[in-house]
Amino acid sequence: AYKIKVYPGQVHGFAQLKPEDMKPQDKPYIEEARQDMFDWIKMY
């Protein structure tokens, strides 16, 4: 099993920011990427 996902408007390094370092417009995508990451791990 594999999966590829591209997050709109996001630059290199977007997914590892602490909440206080996120820009408001990026926050939903960062949170989505993290949730997706944990969902994938939890599956296996």
PDB file of all heavy atoms in Angstrom:
ATOM      1  N   ALA A   1       0.840  -1.207   0.000  1.00  0.00           N
ATOM      2  CA  ALA A   1       0.000   0.000   0.000  1.00  0.00           C
ATOM      3  C   ALA A   1       0.871   1.251   0.000  1.00  0.00           C
ATOM      4  O   ALA A   1       1.898   1.312   0.666  1.00  0.00           O
ATOM      5  CB  ALA A   1      -0.890   0.001   1.241  1.00  0.00           C
ATOM      6  N   TYR A   2       0.472   2.247  -0.784  1.00  0.00           N
ATOM      7  CA  TYR A   2       1.153   3.539  -0.780  1.00  0.00           C
ATOM      8  C   TYR A   2       0.119   4.625  -1.061  1.00  0.00           C
ATOM      9  O   TYR A   2      -0.991   4.347  -1.533  1.00  0.00           O
ATOM     10  CB  TYR A   2       2.281   3.589  -1.818  1.00  0.00           C
ATOM     11  CG  TYR A   2       1.790   3.509  -3.248  1.00  0.00           C
ATOM     12  CD1 TYR A   2       1.395   4.661  -3.930  1.00  0.00           C
ATOM     13  CD2 TYR A   2       1.692   2.288  -3.904  1.00  0.00           C
ATOM     14  CE1 TYR A   2       0.909   4.595  -5.226  1.00  0.00           C
ATOM     15  CE2 TYR A   2       1.217   2.207  -5.195  1.00  0.00           C
ATOM     16  CZ  TYR A   2       0.823   3.357  -5.858  1.00  0.00           C
ATOM     17  OH  TYR A   2       0.328   3.281  -7.130  1.00  0.00           O
ATOM     18  N   LYS A   3       0.520   5.845  -0.763  1.00  0.00           N
ATOM     19  CA  LYS A   3      -0.376   6.970  -0.994  1.00  0.00           C
ATOM     20  C   LYS A   3       0.490   8.196  -1.244  1.00  0.00           C
ATOM     21  O   LYS A   3       1.569   8.330  -0.649  1.00  0.00           O
ATOM     22  CB  LYS A   3      -1.246   7.181   0.249  1.00  0.00           C
ATOM     23  CG  LYS A   3      -2.288   8.282   0.137  1.00  0.00           C
ATOM     24  CD  LYS A   3      -3.107   8.324   1.439  1.00  0.00           C
ATOM     25  CE  LYS A   3      -4.042   9.508   1.477  1.00  0.00           C
ATOM     26  NZ  LYS A   3      -4.758   9.583   2.758  1.00  0.00           N
ATOM     27  N   ILE A   4       0.029   9.069  -2.127  1.00  0.00           N
ATOM     28  CA  ILE A   4       0.710  10.342  -2.384  1.00  0.00           C
ATOM     29  C   ILE A   4      -0.335  11.437  -2.231  1.00  0.00           C
ATOM     30  O   ILE A   4      -1.436  11.323  -2.759  1.00  0.00           O
ATOM     31  CB  ILE A   4       1.298  10.392  -3.810  1.00  0.00           C
ATOM     32  CG1 ILE A   4       2.416   9.349  -3.982  1.00  0.00           C
ATOM     33  CG2 ILE A   4       1.841  11.793  -4.121  1.00  0.00           C
ATOM     34  CD1 ILE A   4       2.921   9.207  -5.398  1.00  0.00           C
ATOM     35  N   LYS A   5       0.005  12.482  -1.508  1.00  0.00           N
ATOM     36  CA  LYS A   5      -0.949  13.590  -1.360  1.00  0.00           C
ATOM     37  C   LYS A   5      -0.198  14.916  -1.411  1.00  0.00           C
ATOM     38  O   LYS A   5       0.865  15.056  -0.803  1.00  0.00           O
ATOM     39  CB  LYS A   5      -1.730  13.452  -0.054  1.00  0.00           C
ATOM     40  CG  LYS A   5      -2.874  14.456   0.084  1.00  0.00           C
ATOM     41  CD  LYS A   5      -3.820  14.082   1.212  1.00  0.00           C
ATOM     42  CE  LYS A   5      -4.817  15.194   1.481  1.00  0.00           C
ATOM     43  NZ  LYS A   5      -5.738  14.889   2.585  1.00  0.00           N
ATOM     44  N   VAL A   6      -0.753  15.859  -2.157  1.00  0.00           N
ATOM     45  CA  VAL A   6      -0.158  17.191  -2.307  1.00  0.00           C
ATOM     46  C   VAL A   6      -1.098  18.199  -1.646  1.00  0.00           C
ATOM     47  O   VAL A   6      -2.296  18.228  -1.942  1.00  0.00           O
ATOM     48  CB  VAL A   6       0.043  17.532  -3.804  1.00  0.00           C
ATOM     49  CG1 VAL A   6       0.678  18.908  -3.945  1.00  0.00           C
ATOM     50  CG2 VAL A   6       0.914  16.478  -4.489  1.00  0.00           C
ATOM     51  N   TYR A   7      -0.563  19.041  -0.764  1.00  0.00           N
ATOM     52  CA  TYR A   7      -1.380  19.975   0.023  1.00  0.00           C
ATOM     53  C   TYR A   7      -1.340  21.364  -0.617  1.00  0.00           C
ATOM     54  O   TYR A   7      -0.248  21.916  -0.825  1.00  0.00           O
ATOM     55  CB  TYR A   7      -0.894  19.995   1.483  1.00  0.00           C
ATOM     56  CG  TYR A   7      -1.124  18.652   2.137  1.00  0.00           C
ATOM     57  CD1 TYR A   7      -0.260  17.586   1.869  1.00  0.00           C
ATOM     58  CD2 TYR A   7      -2.232  18.416   2.931  1.00  0.00           C
ATOM     59  CE1 TYR A   7      -0.491  16.323   2.400  1.00  0.00           C
ATOM     60  CE2 TYR A   7      -2.474  17.160   3.472  1.00  0.00           C
ATOM     61  CZ  TYR A   7      -1.596  16.110   3.203  1.00  0.00           C
ATOM     62  OH  TYR A   7      -1.839  14.856   3.725  1.00  0.00           O
ATOM     63  N   PRO A   8      -2.499  21.931  -0.922  1.00  0.00           N
ATOM     64  CA  PRO A   8      -2.576  23.203  -1.658  1.00  0.00           C
ATOM     65  C   PRO A   8      -1.821  24.345  -0.985  1.00  0.00           C
ATOM     66  O   PRO A   8      -1.905  24.531   0.231  1.00  0.00           O
ATOM     67  CB  PRO A   8      -4.085  23.506  -1.676  1.00  0.00           C
ATOM     68  CG  PRO A   8      -4.754  22.197  -1.457  1.00  0.00           C
ATOM     69  CD  PRO A   8      -3.828  21.399  -0.602  1.00  0.00           C
ATOM     70  N   GLY A   9      -1.066  25.081  -1.813  1.00  0.00           N
ATOM     71  CA  GLY A   9      -0.415  26.317  -1.367  1.00  0.00           C
ATOM     72  C   GLY A   9       0.743  26.154  -0.402  1.00  0.00           C
ATOM     73  O   GLY A   9       1.291  27.142   0.067  1.00  0.00           O
ATOM     74  N   GLN A  10       1.135  24.908  -0.117  1.00  0.00           N
ATOM     75  CA  GLN A  10       2.136  24.697   0.938  1.00  0.00           C
ATOM     76  C   GLN A  10       3.560  24.599   0.381  1.00  0.00           C
ATOM     77  O   GLN A  10       3.791  23.991  -0.652  1.00  0.00           O
ATOM     78  CB  GLN A  10       1.799  23.443   1.745  1.00  0.00           C
ATOM     79  CG  GLN A  10       0.465  23.540   2.470  1.00  0.00           C
ATOM     80  CD  GLN A  10       0.341  24.846   3.236  1.00  0.00           C
ATOM     81  OE1 GLN A  10       1.065  25.088   4.194  1.00  0.00           O
ATOM     82  NE2 GLN A  10      -0.574  25.711   2.822  1.00  0.00           N
ATOM     83  N   VAL A  11       4.490  25.213   1.123  1.00  0.00           N
ATOM     84  CA  VAL A  11       5.895  25.237   0.712  1.00  0.00           C
ATOM     85  C   VAL A  11       6.668  24.149   1.462  1.00  0.00           C
ATOM     86  O   VAL A  11       6.122  23.465   2.327  1.00  0.00           O
ATOM     87  CB  VAL A  11       6.533  26.626   0.989  1.00  0.00           C
ATOM     88  CG1 VAL A  11       5.843  27.704   0.176  1.00  0.00           C
ATOM     89  CG2 VAL A  11       6.510  26.981   2.484  1.00  0.00           C
ATOM     90  N   HIS A  12       7.936  24.007   1.127  1.00  0.00           N
ATOM     91  CA  HIS A  12       8.786  23.000   1.759  1.00  0.00           C
ATOM     92  C   HIS A  12       8.869  23.259   3.263  1.00  0.00           C
ATOM     93  O   HIS A  12       9.080  24.384   3.694  1.00  0.00           O
ATOM     94  CB  HIS A  12      10.187  23.084   1.145  1.00  0.00           C
ATOM     95  CG  HIS A  12      11.015  21.885   1.428  1.00  0.00           C
ATOM     96  ND1 HIS A  12      10.984  20.759   0.648  1.00  0.00           N
ATOM     97  CD2 HIS A  12      11.887  21.632   2.422  1.00  0.00           C
ATOM     98  CE1 HIS A  12      11.816  19.862   1.145  1.00  0.00           C
ATOM     99  NE2 HIS A  12      12.374  20.365   2.226  1.00  0.00           N
ATOM    100  N   GLY A  13       8.692  22.209   4.040  1.00  0.00           N
ATOM    101  CA  GLY A  13       8.826  22.347   5.491  1.00  0.00           C
ATOM    102  C   GLY A  13       7.549  22.709   6.223  1.00  0.00           C
ATOM    103  O   GLY A  13       7.568  22.938   7.425  1.00  0.00           O
ATOM    104  N   PHE A  14       6.412  22.726   5.505  1.00  0.00           N
ATOM    105  CA  PHE A  14       5.184  23.254   6.123  1.00  0.00           C
ATOM    106  C   PHE A  14       4.654  22.419   7.276  1.00  0.00           C
ATOM    107  O   PHE A  14       4.064  22.949   8.212  1.00  0.00           O
ATOM    108  CB  PHE A  14       4.086  23.436   5.053  1.00  0.00           C
ATOM    109  CG  PHE A  14       3.382  22.159   4.633  1.00  0.00           C
ATOM    110  CD1 PHE A  14       2.155  21.817   5.181  1.00  0.00           C
ATOM    111  CD2 PHE A  14       3.945  21.310   3.679  1.00  0.00           C
ATOM    112  CE1 PHE A  14       1.498  20.653   4.791  1.00  0.00           C
ATOM    113  CE2 PHE A  14       3.305  20.149   3.284  1.00  0.00           C
ATOM    114  CZ  PHE A  14       2.075  19.817   3.844  1.00  0.00           C
ATOM    115  N   ALA A  15       4.872  21.108   7.261  1.00  0.00           N
ATOM    116  CA  ALA A  15       4.114  20.235   8.169  1.00  0.00           C
ATOM    117  C   ALA A  15       4.700  20.083   9.565  1.00  0.00           C
ATOM    118  O   ALA A  15       4.105  19.439  10.407  1.00  0.00           O
ATOM    119  CB  ALA A  15       3.933  18.860   7.533  1.00  0.00           C
ATOM    120  N   GLN A  16       5.875  20.676   9.822  1.00  0.00           N
ATOM    121  CA  GLN A  16       6.463  20.433  11.140  1.00  0.00           C
ATOM    122  C   GLN A  16       6.444  21.653  12.058  1.00  0.00           C
ATOM    123  O   GLN A  16       7.113  21.679  13.074  1.00  0.00           O
ATOM    124  CB  GLN A  16       7.887  19.879  10.993  1.00  0.00           C
ATOM    125  CG  GLN A  16       8.865  20.828  10.354  1.00  0.00           C
ATOM    126  CD  GLN A  16       9.790  20.116   9.374  1.00  0.00           C
ATOM    127  OE1 GLN A  16       9.344  19.620   8.355  1.00  0.00           O
ATOM    128  NE2 GLN A  16      11.068  20.091   9.671  1.00  0.00           N
ATOM    129  N   LEU A  17       5.654  22.647  11.699  1.00  0.00           N
ATOM    130  CA  LEU A  17       5.636  23.871  12.499  1.00  0.00           C
ATOM    131  C   LEU A  17       4.857  23.720  13.797  1.00  0.00           C
ATOM    132  O   LEU A  17       3.852  23.015  13.854  1.00  0.00           O
ATOM    133  CB  LEU A  17       5.009  25.014  11.697  1.00  0.00           C
ATOM    134  CG  LEU A  17       5.813  25.491  10.484  1.00  0.00           C
ATOM    135  CD1 LEU A  17       4.976  26.478   9.690  1.00  0.00           C
ATOM    136  CD2 LEU A  17       7.110  26.146  10.912  1.00  0.00           C
ATOM    137  N   LYS A  18       5.315  24.419  14.826  1.00  0.00           N
ATOM    138  CA  LYS A  18       4.569  24.519  16.070  1.00  0.00           C
ATOM    139  C   LYS A  18       3.396  25.473  15.829  1.00  0.00           C
ATOM    140  O   LYS A  18       3.494  26.376  14.991  1.00  0.00           O
ATOM    141  CB  LYS A  18       5.474  25.050  17.184  1.00  0.00           C
ATOM    142  CG  LYS A  18       6.701  24.173  17.408  1.00  0.00           C
ATOM    143  CD  LYS A  18       7.492  24.559  18.638  1.00  0.00           C
ATOM    144  CE  LYS A  18       8.127  25.924  18.577  1.00  0.00           C
ATOM    145  NZ  LYS A  18       8.977  26.151  17.379  1.00  0.00           N
ATOM    146  N   PRO A  19       2.278  25.293  16.550  1.00  0.00           N
ATOM    147  CA  PRO A  19       1.081  26.101  16.279  1.00  0.00           C
ATOM    148  C   PRO A  19       1.335  27.611  16.246  1.00  0.00           C
ATOM    149  O   PRO A  19       0.815  28.314  15.370  1.00  0.00           O
ATOM    150  CB  PRO A  19       0.143  25.731  17.430  1.00  0.00           C
ATOM    151  CG  PRO A  19       0.554  24.353  17.813  1.00  0.00           C
ATOM    152  CD  PRO A  19       2.043  24.282  17.592  1.00  0.00           C
ATOM    153  N   GLU A  20       2.175  28.109  17.154  1.00  0.00           N
ATOM    154  CA  GLU A  20       2.400  29.564  17.210  1.00  0.00           C
ATOM    155  C   GLU A  20       3.240  30.081  16.039  1.00  0.00           C
ATOM    156  O   GLU A  20       3.340  31.282  15.821  1.00  0.00           O
ATOM    157  CB  GLU A  20       3.004  29.980  18.553  1.00  0.00           C
ATOM    158  CG  GLU A  20       4.333  29.350  18.881  1.00  0.00           C
ATOM    159  CD  GLU A  20       4.216  27.995  19.588  1.00  0.00           C
ATOM    160  OE1 GLU A  20       3.197  27.292  19.411  1.00  0.00           O
ATOM    161  OE2 GLU A  20       5.166  27.639  20.311  1.00  0.00           O
ATOM    162  N   ASP A  21       3.863  29.160  15.270  1.00  0.00           N
ATOM    163  CA  ASP A  21       4.676  29.579  14.121  1.00  0.00           C
ATOM    164  C   ASP A  21       3.921  29.456  12.790  1.00  0.00           C
ATOM    165  O   ASP A  21       4.462  29.762  11.739  1.00  0.00           O
ATOM    166  CB  ASP A  21       5.959  28.733  14.054  1.00  0.00           C
ATOM    167  CG  ASP A  21       6.879  28.984  15.239  1.00  0.00           C
ATOM    168  OD1 ASP A  21       6.841  30.116  15.774  1.00  0.00           O
ATOM    169  OD2 ASP A  21       7.622  28.080  15.642  1.00  0.00           O
ATOM    170  N   MET A  22       2.689  28.980  12.851  1.00  0.00           N
ATOM    171  CA  MET A  22       1.919  28.792  11.619  1.00  0.00           C
ATOM    172  C   MET A  22       1.269  30.095  11.168  1.00  0.00           C
ATOM    173  O   MET A  22       0.851  30.898  11.990  1.00  0.00           O
ATOM    174  CB  MET A  22       0.790  27.777  11.854  1.00  0.00           C
ATOM    175  CG  MET A  22       1.228  26.391  12.195  1.00  0.00           C
ATOM    176  SD  MET A  22      -0.244  25.383  12.601  1.00  0.00           S
ATOM    177  CE  MET A  22       0.527  23.905  13.263  1.00  0.00           C
ATOM    178  N   LYS A  23       1.161  30.265   9.861  1.00  0.00           N
ATOM    179  CA  LYS A  23       0.366  31.367   9.327  1.00  0.00           C
ATOM    180  C   LYS A  23      -1.085  30.903   9.270  1.00  0.00           C
ATOM    181  O   LYS A  23      -1.346  29.741   8.933  1.00  0.00           O
ATOM    182  CB  LYS A  23       0.851  31.731   7.927  1.00  0.00           C
ATOM    183  CG  LYS A  23       2.266  32.298   7.909  1.00  0.00           C
ATOM    184  CD  LYS A  23       2.751  32.471   6.489  1.00  0.00           C
ATOM    185  CE  LYS A  23       4.189  32.984   6.477  1.00  0.00           C
ATOM    186  NZ  LYS A  23       4.797  32.863   5.146  1.00  0.00           N
ATOM    187  N   PRO A  24      -2.030  31.800   9.583  1.00  0.00           N
ATOM    188  CA  PRO A  24      -3.439  31.388   9.648  1.00  0.00           C
ATOM    189  C   PRO A  24      -3.931  30.681   8.378  1.00  0.00           C
ATOM    190  O   PRO A  24      -4.665  29.700   8.458  1.00  0.00           O
ATOM    191  CB  PRO A  24      -4.191  32.696   9.867  1.00  0.00           C
ATOM    192  CG  PRO A  24      -3.187  33.628  10.459  1.00  0.00           C
ATOM    193  CD  PRO A  24      -1.850  33.215   9.926  1.00  0.00           C
ATOM    194  N   GLN A  25      -3.479  31.156   7.211  1.00  0.00           N
ATOM    195  CA  GLN A  25      -3.983  30.553   5.966  1.00  0.00           C
ATOM    196  C   GLN A  25      -3.437  29.134   5.740  1.00  0.00           C
ATOM    197  O   GLN A  25      -4.005  28.356   4.981  1.00  0.00           O
ATOM    198  CB  GLN A  25      -3.690  31.443   4.747  1.00  0.00           C
ATOM    199  CG  GLN A  25      -2.223  31.538   4.339  1.00  0.00           C
ATOM    200  CD  GLN A  25      -1.485  32.677   5.033  1.00  0.00           C
ATOM    201  OE1 GLN A  25      -1.855  33.110   6.124  1.00  0.00           O
ATOM    202  NE2 GLN A  25      -0.411  33.176   4.395  1.00  0.00           N
ATOM    203  N   ASP A  26      -2.318  28.816   6.406  1.00  0.00           N
ATOM    204  CA  ASP A  26      -1.714  27.490   6.230  1.00  0.00           C
ATOM    205  C   ASP A  26      -2.166  26.482   7.281  1.00  0.00           C
ATOM    206  O   ASP A  26      -2.068  25.274   7.072  1.00  0.00           O
ATOM    207  CB  ASP A  26      -0.181  27.600   6.298  1.00  0.00           C
ATOM    208  CG  ASP A  26       0.379  28.437   5.169  1.00  0.00           C
ATOM    209  OD1 ASP A  26      -0.186  28.393   4.064  1.00  0.00           O
ATOM    210  OD2 ASP A  26       1.382  29.150   5.395  1.00  0.00           O
ATOM    211  N   LYS A  27      -2.642  26.989   8.395  1.00  0.00           N
ATOM    212  CA  LYS A  27      -2.960  26.132   9.541  1.00  0.00           C
ATOM    213  C   LYS A  27      -3.861  24.931   9.186  1.00  0.00           C
ATOM    214  O   LYS A  27      -3.560  23.801   9.558  1.00  0.00           O
ATOM    215  CB  LYS A  27      -3.603  26.995  10.643  1.00  0.00           C
ATOM    216  CG  LYS A  27      -3.664  26.338  12.004  1.00  0.00           C
ATOM    217  CD  LYS A  27      -4.066  27.376  13.057  1.00  0.00           C
ATOM    218  CE  LYS A  27      -3.975  26.806  14.451  1.00  0.00           C
ATOM    219  NZ  LYS A  27      -5.173  26.091  14.871  1.00  0.00           N
ATOM    220  N   PRO A  28      -4.960  25.143   8.429  1.00  0.00           N
ATOM    221  CA  PRO A  28      -5.821  23.990   8.111  1.00  0.00           C
ATOM    222  C   PRO A  28      -5.079  22.884   7.345  1.00  0.00           C
ATOM    223  O   PRO A  28      -5.303  21.697   7.601  1.00  0.00           O
ATOM    224  CB  PRO A  28      -6.923  24.585   7.231  1.00  0.00           C
ATOM    225  CG  PRO A  28      -6.881  26.051   7.447  1.00  0.00           C
ATOM    226  CD  PRO A  28      -5.487  26.396   7.860  1.00  0.00           C
ATOM    227  N   TYR A  29      -4.183  23.285   6.449  1.00  0.00           N
ATOM    228  CA  TYR A  29      -3.460  22.286   5.650  1.00  0.00           C
ATOM    229  C   TYR A  29      -2.408  21.562   6.484  1.00  0.00           C
ATOM    230  O   TYR A  29      -2.178  20.362   6.320  1.00  0.00           O
ATOM    231  CB  TYR A  29      -2.810  22.942   4.429  1.00  0.00           C
ATOM    232  CG  TYR A  29      -3.829  23.545   3.505  1.00  0.00           C
ATOM    233  CD1 TYR A  29      -3.932  24.926   3.362  1.00  0.00           C
ATOM    234  CD2 TYR A  29      -4.718  22.733   2.794  1.00  0.00           C
ATOM    235  CE1 TYR A  29      -4.891  25.481   2.529  1.00  0.00           C
ATOM    236  CE2 TYR A  29      -5.675  23.288   1.949  1.00  0.00           C
ATOM    237  CZ  TYR A  29      -5.759  24.658   1.817  1.00  0.00           C
ATOM    238  OH  TYR A  29      -6.713  25.199   1.001  1.00  0.00           O
ATOM    239  N   ILE A  30      -1.778  22.305   7.387  1.00  0.00           N
ATOM    240  CA  ILE A  30      -0.780  21.702   8.277  1.00  0.00           C
ATOM    241  C   ILE A  30      -1.467  20.678   9.184  1.00  0.00           C
ATOM    242  O   ILE A  30      -1.004  19.550   9.347  1.00  0.00           O
ATOM    243  CB  ILE A  30      -0.061  22.779   9.120  1.00  0.00           C
ATOM    244  CG1 ILE A  30       0.748  23.716   8.204  1.00  0.00           C
ATOM    245  CG2 ILE A  30       0.849  22.132  10.167  1.00  0.00           C
ATOM    246  CD1 ILE A  30       1.269  24.982   8.881  1.00  0.00           C
ATOM    247  N   GLU A  31      -2.606  21.084   9.732  1.00  0.00           N
ATOM    248  CA  GLU A  31      -3.346  20.177  10.627  1.00  0.00           C
ATOM    249  C   GLU A  31      -3.852  18.953   9.881  1.00  0.00           C
ATOM    250  O   GLU A  31      -3.826  17.838  10.399  1.00  0.00           O
ATOM    251  CB  GLU A  31      -4.479  20.938  11.315  1.00  0.00           C
ATOM    252  CG  GLU A  31      -3.930  21.872  12.394  1.00  0.00           C
ATOM    253  CD  GLU A  31      -4.982  22.788  13.013  1.00  0.00           C
ATOM    254  OE1 GLU A  31      -6.129  22.799  12.516  1.00  0.00           O
ATOM    255  OE2 GLU A  31      -4.644  23.492  13.987  1.00  0.00           O
ATOM    256  N   GLU A  32      -4.292  19.172   8.638  1.00  0.00           N
ATOM    257  CA  GLU A  32      -4.769  18.058   7.810  1.00  0.00           C
ATOM    258  C   GLU A  32      -3.623  17.079   7.510  1.00  0.00           C
ATOM    259  O   GLU A  32      -3.795  15.858   7.615  1.00  0.00           O
ATOM    260  CB  GLU A  32      -5.347  18.611   6.500  1.00  0.00           C
ATOM    261  CG  GLU A  32      -5.971  17.554   5.614  1.00  0.00           C
ATOM    262  CD  GLU A  32      -6.437  18.127   4.274  1.00  0.00           C
ATOM    263  OE1 GLU A  32      -6.588  19.372   4.145  1.00  0.00           O
ATOM    264  OE2 GLU A  32      -6.645  17.326   3.360  1.00  0.00           O
ATOM    265  N   ALA A  33      -2.458  17.621   7.171  1.00  0.00           N
ATOM    266  CA  ALA A  33      -1.300  16.765   6.864  1.00  0.00           C
ATOM    267  C   ALA A  33      -0.914  15.933   8.082  1.00  0.00           C
ATOM    268  O   ALA A  33      -0.617  14.739   7.981  1.00  0.00           O
ATOM    269  CB  ALA A  33      -0.120  17.615   6.402  1.00  0.00           C
ATOM    270  N   ARG A  34      -0.946  16.566   9.260  1.00  0.00           N
ATOM    271  CA  ARG A  34      -0.606  15.836  10.487  1.00  0.00           C
ATOM    272  C   ARG A  34      -1.632  14.755  10.781  1.00  0.00           C
ATOM    273  O   ARG A  34      -1.275  13.641  11.154  1.00  0.00           O
ATOM    274  CB  ARG A  34      -0.549  16.812  11.657  1.00  0.00           C
ATOM    275  CG  ARG A  34       0.656  17.689  11.528  1.00  0.00           C
ATOM    276  CD  ARG A  34       1.175  18.082  12.887  1.00  0.00           C
ATOM    277  NE  ARG A  34       2.199  19.070  12.665  1.00  0.00           N
ATOM    278  CZ  ARG A  34       2.226  20.251  13.267  1.00  0.00           C
ATOM    279  NH1 ARG A  34       1.317  20.569  14.141  1.00  0.00           N
ATOM    280  NH2 ARG A  34       3.197  21.089  13.003  1.00  0.00           N
ATOM    281  N   GLN A  35      -2.906  15.107  10.612  1.00  0.00           N
ATOM    282  CA  GLN A  35      -3.962  14.124  10.857  1.00  0.00           C
ATOM    283  C   GLN A  35      -3.814  12.943   9.896  1.00  0.00           C
ATOM    284  O   GLN A  35      -3.914  11.782  10.291  1.00  0.00           O
ATOM    285  CB  GLN A  35      -5.347  14.775  10.706  1.00  0.00           C
ATOM    286  CG  GLN A  35      -6.493  13.881  11.183  1.00  0.00           C
ATOM    287  CD  GLN A  35      -6.335  13.430  12.629  1.00  0.00           C
ATOM    288  OE1 GLN A  35      -6.166  14.240  13.536  1.00  0.00           O
ATOM    289  NE2 GLN A  35      -6.370  12.122  12.862  1.00  0.00           N
ATOM    290  N   ASP A  36      -3.535  13.264   8.632  1.00  0.00           N
ATOM    291  CA  ASP A  36      -3.340  12.212   7.623  1.00  0.00           C
ATOM    292  C   ASP A  36      -2.158  11.316   7.995  1.00  0.00           C
ATOM    293  O   ASP A  36      -2.208  10.097   7.826  1.00  0.00           O
ATOM    294  CB  ASP A  36      -3.081  12.833   6.245  1.00  0.00           C
ATOM    295  CG  ASP A  36      -4.314  13.515   5.657  1.00  0.00           C
ATOM    296  OD1 ASP A  36      -5.435  13.282   6.167  1.00  0.00           O
ATOM    297  OD2 ASP A  36      -4.161  14.280   4.689  1.00  0.00           O
ATOM    298  N   MET A  37      -1.097  11.939   8.491  1.00  0.00           N
ATOM    299  CA  MET A  37       0.096  11.203   8.905  1.00  0.00           C
ATOM    300  C   MET A  37      -0.249  10.212  10.019  1.00  0.00           C
ATOM    301  O   MET A  37       0.097   9.029   9.951  1.00  0.00           O
ATOM    302  CB  MET A  37       1.163  12.189   9.381  1.00  0.00           C
ATOM    303  CG  MET A  37       2.433  11.567   9.909  1.00  0.00           C
ATOM    304  SD  MET A  37       3.678  12.824  10.367  1.00  0.00           S
ATOM    305  CE  MET A  37       3.280  13.074  12.105  1.00  0.00           C
ATOM    306  N   PHE A  38      -0.961  10.697  11.035  1.00  0.00           N
ATOM    307  CA  PHE A  38      -1.316   9.819  12.150  1.00  0.00           C
ATOM    308  C   PHE A  38      -2.337   8.759  11.745  1.00  0.00           C
ATOM    309  O   PHE A  38      -2.276   7.615  12.223  1.00  0.00           O
ATOM    310  CB  PHE A  38      -1.806  10.634  13.351  1.00  0.00           C
ATOM    311  CG  PHE A  38      -0.683  11.325  14.068  1.00  0.00           C
ATOM    312  CD1 PHE A  38      -0.595  12.709  14.106  1.00  0.00           C
ATOM    313  CD2 PHE A  38       0.304  10.582  14.702  1.00  0.00           C
ATOM    314  CE1 PHE A  38       0.452  13.352  14.756  1.00  0.00           C
ATOM    315  CE2 PHE A  38       1.370  11.216  15.354  1.00  0.00           C
ATOM    316  CZ  PHE A  38       1.442  12.597  15.383  1.00  0.00           C
ATOM    317  N   ASP A  39      -3.261   9.090  10.845  1.00  0.00           N
ATOM    318  CA  ASP A  39      -4.238   8.102  10.369  1.00  0.00           C
ATOM    319  C   ASP A  39      -3.524   6.951   9.659  1.00  0.00           C
ATOM    320  O   ASP A  39      -3.881   5.789   9.805  1.00  0.00           O
ATOM    321  CB  ASP A  39      -5.243   8.753   9.407  1.00  0.00           C
ATOM    322  CG  ASP A  39      -6.236   9.657  10.126  1.00  0.00           C
ATOM    323  OD1 ASP A  39      -6.295   9.620  11.369  1.00  0.00           O
ATOM    324  OD2 ASP A  39      -6.956  10.419   9.446  1.00  0.00           O
ATOM    325  N   TRP A  40      -2.506   7.310   8.864  1.00  0.00           N
ATOM    326  CA  TRP A  40      -1.745   6.287   8.131  1.00  0.00           C
ATOM    327  C   TRP A  40      -0.997   5.369   9.101  1.00  0.00           C
ATOM    328  O   TRP A  40      -1.036   4.148   8.973  1.00  0.00           O
ATOM    329  CB  TRP A  40      -0.774   6.967   7.177  1.00  0.00           C
ATOM    330  CG  TRP A  40       0.000   6.036   6.303  1.00  0.00           C
ATOM    331  CD1 TRP A  40       1.259   5.552   6.506  1.00  0.00           C
ATOM    332  CD2 TRP A  40      -0.443   5.452   5.067  1.00  0.00           C
ATOM    333  NE1 TRP A  40       1.641   4.714   5.484  1.00  0.00           N
ATOM    334  CE2 TRP A  40       0.617   4.633   4.584  1.00  0.00           C
ATOM    335  CE3 TRP A  40      -1.624   5.536   4.322  1.00  0.00           C
ATOM    336  CZ2 TRP A  40       0.514   3.910   3.388  1.00  0.00           C
ATOM    337  CZ3 TRP A  40      -1.711   4.823   3.127  1.00  0.00           C
ATOM    338  CH2 TRP A  40      -0.649   4.016   2.681  1.00  0.00           C
ATOM    339  N   ILE A  41      -0.342   5.991  10.075  1.00  0.00           N
ATOM    340  CA  ILE A  41       0.409   5.197  11.066  1.00  0.00           C
ATOM    341  C   ILE A  41      -0.541   4.272  11.828  1.00  0.00           C
ATOM    342  O   ILE A  41      -0.269   3.078  11.994  1.00  0.00           O
ATOM    343  CB  ILE A  41       1.168   6.120  12.036  1.00  0.00           C
ATOM    344  CG1 ILE A  41       2.306   6.839  11.298  1.00  0.00           C
ATOM    345  CG2 ILE A  41       1.749   5.338  13.216  1.00  0.00           C
ATOM    346  CD1 ILE A  41       2.892   8.019  12.044  1.00  0.00           C
ATOM    347  N   LYS A  42      -1.682   4.824  12.237  1.00  0.00           N
ATOM    348  CA  LYS A  42      -2.639   4.060  13.036  1.00  0.00           C
ATOM    349  C   LYS A  42      -3.179   2.841  12.268  1.00  0.00           C
ATOM    350  O   LYS A  42      -3.490   1.807  12.840  1.00  0.00           O
ATOM    351  CB  LYS A  42      -3.806   4.966  13.447  1.00  0.00           C
ATOM    352  CG  LYS A  42      -4.601   4.409  14.639  1.00  0.00           C
ATOM    353  CD  LYS A  42      -5.891   5.161  14.882  1.00  0.00           C
ATOM    354  CE  LYS A  42      -5.675   6.521  15.457  1.00  0.00           C
ATOM    355  NZ  LYS A  42      -6.957   7.254  15.676  1.00  0.00           N
ATOM    356  N   MET A  43      -3.253   2.987  10.947  1.00  0.00           N
ATOM    357  CA  MET A  43      -3.762   1.894  10.119  1.00  0.00           C
ATOM    358  C   MET A  43      -2.843   0.672  10.157  1.00  0.00           C
ATOM    359  O   MET A  43      -3.281  -0.466  10.054  1.00  0.00           O
ATOM    360  CB  MET A  43      -3.883   2.393   8.673  1.00  0.00           C
ATOM    361  CG  MET A  43      -5.017   1.738   7.956  1.00  0.00           C
ATOM    362  SD  MET A  43      -5.493   2.464   6.363  1.00  0.00           S
ATOM    363  CE  MET A  43      -4.498   3.864   6.034  1.00  0.00           C
ATOM    364  N   TYR A  44      -1.561   0.906  10.352  1.00  0.00           N
ATOM    365  CA  TYR A  44      -0.578  -0.188  10.240  1.00  0.00           C
ATOM    366  C   TYR A  44       0.209  -0.479  11.510  1.00  0.00           C
ATOM    367  O   TYR A  44       0.838  -1.529  11.630  1.00  0.00           O
ATOM    368  CB  TYR A  44       0.404   0.120   9.108  1.00  0.00           C
ATOM    369  CG  TYR A  44      -0.299   0.273   7.777  1.00  0.00           C
ATOM    370  CD1 TYR A  44      -0.510   1.542   7.225  1.00  0.00           C
ATOM    371  CD2 TYR A  44      -0.779  -0.835   7.104  1.00  0.00           C
ATOM    372  CE1 TYR A  44      -1.168   1.682   6.011  1.00  0.00           C
ATOM    373  CE2 TYR A  44      -1.451  -0.708   5.902  1.00  0.00           C
ATOM    374  CZ  TYR A  44      -1.637   0.558   5.351  1.00  0.00           C
ATOM    375  OH  TYR A  44      -2.299   0.696   4.162  1.00  0.00           O
TER     376      TYR A  44
END
